Amino acid sequence: MARCTCLRRQDLLIREYPDGCVVYDDADASLHALEPWAGEALLRLMQAPPLDVAELADALVGGSPSEQELALLDEALRQFAARGWVTWVQP
């Protein structure tokens, strides 16, 4: 199963707030608002070795994630990849 990793740790700055977080991308000076769980997912990818969706979801929910949680996380990772923040690697 492919694993996801953060490509540009040095270019991304995350500020967390009670109701979400903001990501500053230094590459293009853009700001992006994320849900709290999506910000936590990006932080984990920035700080950890590559993880697959199930491992990341398990870490975020602290147990077995539901199908809906897996689908939400998968969509967030696709959006992160489209922005050039993460990539998929083979183990």
PDB file of N, CA and C in Angstrom:
ATOM      1  N   MET A   1       0.840  -1.180   0.000  1.00  0.00           N
ATOM      2  CA  MET A   1       0.000   0.000   0.000  1.00  0.00           C
ATOM      3  C   MET A   1       0.888   1.248   0.000  1.00  0.00           C
ATOM      4  N   ALA A   2       0.521   2.214  -0.808  1.00  0.00           N
ATOM      5  CA  ALA A   2       1.297   3.454  -0.901  1.00  0.00           C
ATOM      6  C   ALA A   2       1.210   4.228   0.408  1.00  0.00           C
ATOM      7  N   ARG A   3       2.268   4.948   0.681  1.00  0.00           N
ATOM      8  CA  ARG A   3       2.345   5.770   1.893  1.00  0.00           C
ATOM      9  C   ARG A   3       2.463   7.230   1.483  1.00  0.00           C
ATOM     10  N   CYS A   4       2.014   8.085   2.354  1.00  0.00           N
ATOM     11  CA  CYS A   4       2.008   9.517   2.084  1.00  0.00           C
ATOM     12  C   CYS A   4       3.083  10.199   2.937  1.00  0.00           C
ATOM     13  N   THR A   5       3.760  11.165   2.348  1.00  0.00           N
ATOM     14  CA  THR A   5       4.774  11.910   3.082  1.00  0.00           C
ATOM     15  C   THR A   5       4.741  13.375   2.659  1.00  0.00           C
ATOM     16  N   CYS A   6       5.164  14.243   3.557  1.00  0.00           N
ATOM     17  CA  CYS A   6       5.199  15.675   3.268  1.00  0.00           C
ATOM     18  C   CYS A   6       6.462  16.006   2.482  1.00  0.00           C
ATOM     19  N   LEU A   7       6.288  16.679   1.363  1.00  0.00           N
ATOM     20  CA  LEU A   7       7.400  17.020   0.482  1.00  0.00           C
ATOM     21  C   LEU A   7       8.161  18.264   0.926  1.00  0.00           C
ATOM     22  N   ARG A   8       7.442  19.237   1.425  1.00  0.00           N
ATOM     23  CA  ARG A   8       8.044  20.557   1.632  1.00  0.00           C
ATOM     24  C   ARG A   8       7.867  21.050   3.063  1.00  0.00           C
ATOM     25  N   ARG A   9       8.380  20.282   3.998  1.00  0.00           N
ATOM     26  CA  ARG A   9       8.249  20.650   5.410  1.00  0.00           C
ATOM     27  C   ARG A   9       8.742  22.062   5.692  1.00  0.00           C
ATOM     28  N   GLN A  10       9.830  22.429   5.062  1.00  0.00           N
ATOM     29  CA  GLN A  10      10.446  23.732   5.329  1.00  0.00           C
ATOM     30  C   GLN A  10       9.647  24.889   4.752  1.00  0.00           C
ATOM     31  N   ASP A  11       8.754  24.634   3.801  1.00  0.00           N
ATOM     32  CA  ASP A  11       7.974  25.701   3.168  1.00  0.00           C
ATOM     33  C   ASP A  11       6.624  25.947   3.817  1.00  0.00           C
ATOM     34  N   LEU A  12       6.197  25.034   4.703  1.00  0.00           N
ATOM     35  CA  LEU A  12       4.853  25.125   5.271  1.00  0.00           C
ATOM     36  C   LEU A  12       4.915  25.524   6.737  1.00  0.00           C
ATOM     37  N   LEU A  13       4.067  26.461   7.103  1.00  0.00           N
ATOM     38  CA  LEU A  13       3.954  26.898   8.492  1.00  0.00           C
ATOM     39  C   LEU A  13       2.498  26.727   8.897  1.00  0.00           C
ATOM     40  N   ILE A  14       2.264  26.021   9.996  1.00  0.00           N
ATOM     41  CA  ILE A  14       0.900  25.751  10.448  1.00  0.00           C
ATOM     42  C   ILE A  14       0.662  26.452  11.779  1.00  0.00           C
ATOM     43  N   ARG A  15      -0.441  27.167  11.844  1.00  0.00           N
ATOM     44  CA  ARG A  15      -0.893  27.797  13.088  1.00  0.00           C
ATOM     45  C   ARG A  15      -2.227  27.158  13.454  1.00  0.00           C
ATOM     46  N   GLU A  16      -2.291  26.619  14.665  1.00  0.00           N
ATOM     47  CA  GLU A  16      -3.503  25.955  15.113  1.00  0.00           C
ATOM     48  C   GLU A  16      -4.350  26.898  15.969  1.00  0.00           C
ATOM     49  N   TYR A  17      -5.651  26.778  15.806  1.00  0.00           N
ATOM     50  CA  TYR A  17      -6.640  27.528  16.566  1.00  0.00           C
ATOM     51  C   TYR A  17      -7.697  26.537  17.046  1.00  0.00           C
ATOM     52  N   PRO A  18      -8.511  26.912  18.035  1.00  0.00           N
ATOM     53  CA  PRO A  18      -9.522  25.974  18.536  1.00  0.00           C
ATOM     54  C   PRO A  18     -10.491  25.469  17.463  1.00  0.00           C
ATOM     55  N   ASP A  19     -10.802  26.287  16.481  1.00  0.00           N
ATOM     56  CA  ASP A  19     -11.784  25.889  15.472  1.00  0.00           C
ATOM     57  C   ASP A  19     -11.172  25.561  14.111  1.00  0.00           C
ATOM     58  N   GLY A  20      -9.868  25.359  14.052  1.00  0.00           N
ATOM     59  CA  GLY A  20      -9.218  25.005  12.797  1.00  0.00           C
ATOM     60  C   GLY A  20      -7.763  25.404  12.798  1.00  0.00           C
ATOM     61  N   CYS A  21      -7.194  25.459  11.630  1.00  0.00           N
ATOM     62  CA  CYS A  21      -5.811  25.898  11.516  1.00  0.00           C
ATOM     63  C   CYS A  21      -5.614  26.593  10.180  1.00  0.00           C
ATOM     64  N   VAL A  22      -4.506  27.304  10.098  1.00  0.00           N
ATOM     65  CA  VAL A  22      -4.148  28.013   8.883  1.00  0.00           C
ATOM     66  C   VAL A  22      -2.766  27.519   8.460  1.00  0.00           C
ATOM     67  N   VAL A  23      -2.628  27.238   7.177  1.00  0.00           N
ATOM     68  CA  VAL A  23      -1.344  26.823   6.624  1.00  0.00           C
ATOM     69  C   VAL A  23      -0.842  27.946   5.728  1.00  0.00           C
ATOM     70  N   TYR A  24       0.383  28.399   6.001  1.00  0.00           N
ATOM     71  CA  TYR A  24       1.048  29.366   5.132  1.00  0.00           C
ATOM     72  C   TYR A  24       2.035  28.588   4.275  1.00  0.00           C
ATOM     73  N   ASP A  25       1.921  28.752   2.967  1.00  0.00           N
ATOM     74  CA  ASP A  25       2.816  28.090   2.019  1.00  0.00           C
ATOM     75  C   ASP A  25       3.790  29.136   1.491  1.00  0.00           C
ATOM     76  N   ASP A  26       5.022  29.045   1.925  1.00  0.00           N
ATOM     77  CA  ASP A  26       6.045  30.028   1.567  1.00  0.00           C
ATOM     78  C   ASP A  26       6.382  30.008   0.073  1.00  0.00           C
ATOM     79  N   ALA A  27       6.141  28.898  -0.593  1.00  0.00           N
ATOM     80  CA  ALA A  27       6.469  28.789  -2.019  1.00  0.00           C
ATOM     81  C   ALA A  27       5.705  29.793  -2.869  1.00  0.00           C
ATOM     82  N   ASP A  28       4.438  30.043  -2.500  1.00  0.00           N
ATOM     83  CA  ASP A  28       3.647  30.999  -3.279  1.00  0.00           C
ATOM     84  C   ASP A  28       2.945  32.042  -2.402  1.00  0.00           C
ATOM     85  N   ALA A  29       3.372  32.128  -1.151  1.00  0.00           N
ATOM     86  CA  ALA A  29       2.837  33.104  -0.184  1.00  0.00           C
ATOM     87  C   ALA A  29       1.315  32.993  -0.044  1.00  0.00           C
ATOM     88  N   SER A  30       0.804  31.753  -0.068  1.00  0.00           N
ATOM     89  CA  SER A  30      -0.638  31.555   0.045  1.00  0.00           C
ATOM     90  C   SER A  30      -1.020  31.076   1.442  1.00  0.00           C
ATOM     91  N   LEU A  31      -2.261  31.361   1.818  1.00  0.00           N
ATOM     92  CA  LEU A  31      -2.838  30.904   3.079  1.00  0.00           C
ATOM     93  C   LEU A  31      -3.976  29.938   2.789  1.00  0.00           C
ATOM     94  N   HIS A  32      -4.095  28.915   3.626  1.00  0.00           N
ATOM     95  CA  HIS A  32      -5.134  27.909   3.451  1.00  0.00           C
ATOM     96  C   HIS A  32      -5.735  27.581   4.813  1.00  0.00           C
ATOM     97  N   ALA A  33      -7.051  27.657   4.915  1.00  0.00           N
ATOM     98  CA  ALA A  33      -7.747  27.292   6.147  1.00  0.00           C
ATOM     99  C   ALA A  33      -8.093  25.808   6.099  1.00  0.00           C
ATOM    100  N   LEU A  34      -7.832  25.107   7.205  1.00  0.00           N
ATOM    101  CA  LEU A  34      -8.126  23.677   7.289  1.00  0.00           C
ATOM    102  C   LEU A  34      -8.947  23.383   8.541  1.00  0.00           C
ATOM    103  N   GLU A  35      -9.732  22.332   8.459  1.00  0.00           N
ATOM    104  CA  GLU A  35     -10.413  21.813   9.647  1.00  0.00           C
ATOM    105  C   GLU A  35      -9.339  21.343  10.632  1.00  0.00           C
ATOM    106  N   PRO A  36      -9.653  21.317  11.932  1.00  0.00           N
ATOM    107  CA  PRO A  36      -8.637  20.890  12.910  1.00  0.00           C
ATOM    108  C   PRO A  36      -8.028  19.521  12.610  1.00  0.00           C
ATOM    109  N   TRP A  37      -8.855  18.537  12.235  1.00  0.00           N
ATOM    110  CA  TRP A  37      -8.334  17.197  11.971  1.00  0.00           C
ATOM    111  C   TRP A  37      -7.428  17.175  10.744  1.00  0.00           C
ATOM    112  N   ALA A  38      -7.722  18.003   9.740  1.00  0.00           N
ATOM    113  CA  ALA A  38      -6.892  18.051   8.535  1.00  0.00           C
ATOM    114  C   ALA A  38      -5.535  18.683   8.851  1.00  0.00           C
ATOM    115  N   GLY A  39      -5.551  19.705   9.681  1.00  0.00           N
ATOM    116  CA  GLY A  39      -4.288  20.311  10.122  1.00  0.00           C
ATOM    117  C   GLY A  39      -3.450  19.329  10.911  1.00  0.00           C
ATOM    118  N   GLU A  40      -4.095  18.547  11.781  1.00  0.00           N
ATOM    119  CA  GLU A  40      -3.385  17.526  12.551  1.00  0.00           C
ATOM    120  C   GLU A  40      -2.794  16.470  11.620  1.00  0.00           C
ATOM    121  N   ALA A  41      -3.536  16.097  10.600  1.00  0.00           N
ATOM    122  CA  ALA A  41      -3.025  15.118   9.632  1.00  0.00           C
ATOM    123  C   ALA A  41      -1.784  15.656   8.932  1.00  0.00           C
ATOM    124  N   LEU A  42      -1.829  16.902   8.483  1.00  0.00           N
ATOM    125  CA  LEU A  42      -0.676  17.490   7.811  1.00  0.00           C
ATOM    126  C   LEU A  42       0.510  17.596   8.758  1.00  0.00           C
ATOM    127  N   LEU A  43       0.268  18.004  10.006  1.00  0.00           N
ATOM    128  CA  LEU A  43       1.353  18.063  10.990  1.00  0.00           C
ATOM    129  C   LEU A  43       2.003  16.701  11.188  1.00  0.00           C
ATOM    130  N   ARG A  44       1.182  15.664  11.299  1.00  0.00           N
ATOM    131  CA  ARG A  44       1.735  14.313  11.473  1.00  0.00           C
ATOM    132  C   ARG A  44       2.585  13.907  10.274  1.00  0.00           C
ATOM    133  N   LEU A  45       2.141  14.248   9.075  1.00  0.00           N
ATOM    134  CA  LEU A  45       2.933  13.918   7.886  1.00  0.00           C
ATOM    135  C   LEU A  45       4.223  14.721   7.825  1.00  0.00           C
ATOM    136  N   MET A  46       4.217  15.906   8.390  1.00  0.00           N
ATOM    137  CA  MET A  46       5.422  16.729   8.417  1.00  0.00           C
ATOM    138  C   MET A  46       6.441  16.215   9.436  1.00  0.00           C
ATOM    139  N   GLN A  47       5.967  15.515  10.470  1.00  0.00           N
ATOM    140  CA  GLN A  47       6.828  15.117  11.583  1.00  0.00           C
ATOM    141  C   GLN A  47       7.159  13.631  11.624  1.00  0.00           C
ATOM    142  N   ALA A  48       6.519  12.835  10.804  1.00  0.00           N
ATOM    143  CA  ALA A  48       6.667  11.383  10.896  1.00  0.00           C
ATOM    144  C   ALA A  48       7.195  10.800   9.594  1.00  0.00           C
ATOM    145  N   PRO A  49       7.631   9.549   9.658  1.00  0.00           N
ATOM    146  CA  PRO A  49       7.960   8.867   8.397  1.00  0.00           C
ATOM    147  C   PRO A  49       6.679   8.675   7.596  1.00  0.00           C
ATOM    148  N   PRO A  50       6.789   8.307   6.322  1.00  0.00           N
ATOM    149  CA  PRO A  50       5.595   8.114   5.494  1.00  0.00           C
ATOM    150  C   PRO A  50       4.584   7.157   6.130  1.00  0.00           C
ATOM    151  N   LEU A  51       3.309   7.526   6.042  1.00  0.00           N
ATOM    152  CA  LEU A  51       2.226   6.730   6.610  1.00  0.00           C
ATOM    153  C   LEU A  51       1.200   6.413   5.526  1.00  0.00           C
ATOM    154  N   ASP A  52       0.538   5.243   5.652  1.00  0.00           N
ATOM    155  CA  ASP A  52      -0.572   4.990   4.738  1.00  0.00           C
ATOM    156  C   ASP A  52      -1.845   5.581   5.349  1.00  0.00           C
ATOM    157  N   VAL A  53      -2.907   5.619   4.578  1.00  0.00           N
ATOM    158  CA  VAL A  53      -4.144   6.269   5.027  1.00  0.00           C
ATOM    159  C   VAL A  53      -4.655   5.637   6.322  1.00  0.00           C
ATOM    160  N   ALA A  54      -4.632   4.315   6.402  1.00  0.00           N
ATOM    161  CA  ALA A  54      -5.144   3.635   7.590  1.00  0.00           C
ATOM    162  C   ALA A  54      -4.321   3.970   8.829  1.00  0.00           C
ATOM    163  N   GLU A  55      -2.996   3.994   8.703  1.00  0.00           N
ATOM    164  CA  GLU A  55      -2.134   4.340   9.842  1.00  0.00           C
ATOM    165  C   GLU A  55      -2.378   5.765  10.307  1.00  0.00           C
ATOM    166  N   LEU A  56      -2.485   6.676   9.359  1.00  0.00           N
ATOM    167  CA  LEU A  56      -2.716   8.074   9.703  1.00  0.00           C
ATOM    168  C   LEU A  56      -4.086   8.250  10.350  1.00  0.00           C
ATOM    169  N   ALA A  57      -5.103   7.623   9.786  1.00  0.00           N
ATOM    170  CA  ALA A  57      -6.454   7.711  10.350  1.00  0.00           C
ATOM    171  C   ALA A  57      -6.491   7.133  11.758  1.00  0.00           C
ATOM    172  N   ASP A  58      -5.839   6.012  11.971  1.00  0.00           N
ATOM    173  CA  ASP A  58      -5.784   5.389  13.293  1.00  0.00           C
ATOM    174  C   ASP A  58      -5.139   6.332  14.302  1.00  0.00           C
ATOM    175  N   ALA A  59      -4.068   6.993  13.904  1.00  0.00           N
ATOM    176  CA  ALA A  59      -3.393   7.945  14.800  1.00  0.00           C
ATOM    177  C   ALA A  59      -4.288   9.147  15.110  1.00  0.00           C
ATOM    178  N   LEU A  60      -5.058   9.584  14.142  1.00  0.00           N
ATOM    179  CA  LEU A  60      -5.910  10.765  14.337  1.00  0.00           C
ATOM    180  C   LEU A  60      -7.117  10.473  15.220  1.00  0.00           C
ATOM    181  N   VAL A  61      -7.743   9.312  15.063  1.00  0.00           N
ATOM    182  CA  VAL A  61      -8.956   9.002  15.828  1.00  0.00           C
ATOM    183  C   VAL A  61      -8.674   8.175  17.071  1.00  0.00           C
ATOM    184  N   GLY A  62      -7.462   7.676  17.205  1.00  0.00           N
ATOM    185  CA  GLY A  62      -7.108   6.903  18.384  1.00  0.00           C
ATOM    186  C   GLY A  62      -7.787   5.539  18.444  1.00  0.00           C
ATOM    187  N   GLY A  63      -8.003   4.943  17.322  1.00  0.00           N
ATOM    188  CA  GLY A  63      -8.653   3.641  17.254  1.00  0.00           C
ATOM    189  C   GLY A  63      -8.998   3.315  15.825  1.00  0.00           C
ATOM    190  N   SER A  64      -9.957   2.467  15.655  1.00  0.00           N
ATOM    191  CA  SER A  64     -10.355   2.066  14.308  1.00  0.00           C
ATOM    192  C   SER A  64     -11.221   3.154  13.669  1.00  0.00           C
ATOM    193  N   PRO A  65     -10.768   3.728  12.565  1.00  0.00           N
ATOM    194  CA  PRO A  65     -11.557   4.765  11.893  1.00  0.00           C
ATOM    195  C   PRO A  65     -12.732   4.166  11.126  1.00  0.00           C
ATOM    196  N   SER A  66     -13.784   4.956  10.997  1.00  0.00           N
ATOM    197  CA  SER A  66     -14.940   4.532  10.202  1.00  0.00           C
ATOM    198  C   SER A  66     -14.624   4.705   8.719  1.00  0.00           C
ATOM    199  N   GLU A  67     -15.464   4.136   7.878  1.00  0.00           N
ATOM    200  CA  GLU A  67     -15.302   4.296   6.432  1.00  0.00           C
ATOM    201  C   GLU A  67     -15.409   5.774   6.050  1.00  0.00           C
ATOM    202  N   GLN A  68     -16.303   6.504   6.702  1.00  0.00           N
ATOM    203  CA  GLN A  68     -16.458   7.932   6.420  1.00  0.00           C
ATOM    204  C   GLN A  68     -15.196   8.705   6.803  1.00  0.00           C
ATOM    205  N   GLU A  69     -14.608   8.378   7.946  1.00  0.00           N
ATOM    206  CA  GLU A  69     -13.369   9.048   8.360  1.00  0.00           C
ATOM    207  C   GLU A  69     -12.233   8.750   7.389  1.00  0.00           C
ATOM    208  N   LEU A  70     -12.152   7.514   6.932  1.00  0.00           N
ATOM    209  CA  LEU A  70     -11.127   7.148   5.947  1.00  0.00           C
ATOM    210  C   LEU A  70     -11.337   7.915   4.640  1.00  0.00           C
ATOM    211  N   ALA A  71     -12.574   8.038   4.208  1.00  0.00           N
ATOM    212  CA  ALA A  71     -12.876   8.748   2.960  1.00  0.00           C
ATOM    213  C   ALA A  71     -12.545  10.236   3.084  1.00  0.00           C
ATOM    214  N   LEU A  72     -12.868  10.854   4.212  1.00  0.00           N
ATOM    215  CA  LEU A  72     -12.542  12.269   4.431  1.00  0.00           C
ATOM    216  C   LEU A  72     -11.037  12.494   4.422  1.00  0.00           C
ATOM    217  N   LEU A  73     -10.317  11.603   5.090  1.00  0.00           N
ATOM    218  CA  LEU A  73      -8.865  11.725   5.130  1.00  0.00           C
ATOM    219  C   LEU A  73      -8.261  11.524   3.746  1.00  0.00           C
ATOM    220  N   ASP A  74      -8.738  10.536   3.023  1.00  0.00           N
ATOM    221  CA  ASP A  74      -8.240  10.282   1.671  1.00  0.00           C
ATOM    222  C   ASP A  74      -8.444  11.513   0.783  1.00  0.00           C
ATOM    223  N   GLU A  75      -9.615  12.149   0.878  1.00  0.00           N
ATOM    224  CA  GLU A  75      -9.889  13.354   0.088  1.00  0.00           C
ATOM    225  C   GLU A  75      -8.961  14.499   0.501  1.00  0.00           C
ATOM    226  N   ALA A  76      -8.735  14.671   1.793  1.00  0.00           N
ATOM    227  CA  ALA A  76      -7.819  15.721   2.259  1.00  0.00           C
ATOM    228  C   ALA A  76      -6.409  15.483   1.719  1.00  0.00           C
ATOM    229  N   LEU A  77      -5.960  14.238   1.742  1.00  0.00           N
ATOM    230  CA  LEU A  77      -4.620  13.928   1.239  1.00  0.00           C
ATOM    231  C   LEU A  77      -4.516  14.195  -0.259  1.00  0.00           C
ATOM    232  N   ARG A  78      -5.577  13.924  -0.987  1.00  0.00           N
ATOM    233  CA  ARG A  78      -5.585  14.229  -2.430  1.00  0.00           C
ATOM    234  C   ARG A  78      -5.476  15.743  -2.656  1.00  0.00           C
ATOM    235  N   GLN A  79      -6.172  16.518  -1.826  1.00  0.00           N
ATOM    236  CA  GLN A  79      -6.083  17.975  -1.938  1.00  0.00           C
ATOM    237  C   GLN A  79      -4.684  18.462  -1.565  1.00  0.00           C
ATOM    238  N   PHE A  80      -4.102  17.880  -0.523  1.00  0.00           N
ATOM    239  CA  PHE A  80      -2.728  18.243  -0.148  1.00  0.00           C
ATOM    240  C   PHE A  80      -1.762  17.929  -1.291  1.00  0.00           C
ATOM    241  N   ALA A  81      -1.953  16.781  -1.933  1.00  0.00           N
ATOM    242  CA  ALA A  81      -1.086  16.392  -3.050  1.00  0.00           C
ATOM    243  C   ALA A  81      -1.258  17.357  -4.222  1.00  0.00           C
ATOM    244  N   ALA A  82      -2.495  17.781  -4.486  1.00  0.00           N
ATOM    245  CA  ALA A  82      -2.743  18.726  -5.580  1.00  0.00           C
ATOM    246  C   ALA A  82      -2.045  20.063  -5.317  1.00  0.00           C
ATOM    247  N   ARG A  83      -1.881  20.426  -4.064  1.00  0.00           N
ATOM    248  CA  ARG A  83      -1.176  21.665  -3.705  1.00  0.00           C
ATOM    249  C   ARG A  83       0.336  21.475  -3.679  1.00  0.00           C
ATOM    250  N   GLY A  84       0.789  20.234  -3.829  1.00  0.00           N
ATOM    251  CA  GLY A  84       2.220  19.955  -3.819  1.00  0.00           C
ATOM    252  C   GLY A  84       2.801  19.804  -2.424  1.00  0.00           C
ATOM    253  N   TRP A  85       1.943  19.617  -1.430  1.00  0.00           N
ATOM    254  CA  TRP A  85       2.423  19.489  -0.046  1.00  0.00           C
ATOM    255  C   TRP A  85       2.852  18.076   0.291  1.00  0.00           C
ATOM    256  N   VAL A  86       2.175  17.085  -0.290  1.00  0.00           N
ATOM    257  CA  VAL A  86       2.485  15.683   0.021  1.00  0.00           C
ATOM    258  C   VAL A  86       2.592  14.894  -1.273  1.00  0.00           C
ATOM    259  N   THR A  87       3.180  13.734  -1.160  1.00  0.00           N
ATOM    260  CA  THR A  87       3.257  12.813  -2.284  1.00  0.00           C
ATOM    261  C   THR A  87       3.092  11.399  -1.775  1.00  0.00           C
ATOM    262  N   TRP A  88       2.753  10.507  -2.699  1.00  0.00           N
ATOM    263  CA  TRP A  88       2.609   9.085  -2.378  1.00  0.00           C
ATOM    264  C   TRP A  88       3.892   8.371  -2.764  1.00  0.00           C
ATOM    265  N   VAL A  89       4.387   7.534  -1.860  1.00  0.00           N
ATOM    266  CA  VAL A  89       5.597   6.745  -2.114  1.00  0.00           C
ATOM    267  C   VAL A  89       5.290   5.279  -1.871  1.00  0.00           C
ATOM    268  N   GLN A  90       5.997   4.416  -2.562  1.00  0.00           N
ATOM    269  CA  GLN A  90       5.857   2.980  -2.362  1.00  0.00           C
ATOM    270  C   GLN A  90       6.792   2.550  -1.231  1.00  0.00           C
ATOM    271  N   PRO A  91       6.324   1.650  -0.369  1.00  0.00           N
ATOM    272  CA  PRO A  91       7.181   1.195   0.757  1.00  0.00           C
ATOM    273  C   PRO A  91       8.381   0.403   0.282  1.00  0.00           C
TER     274      PRO A  91
END
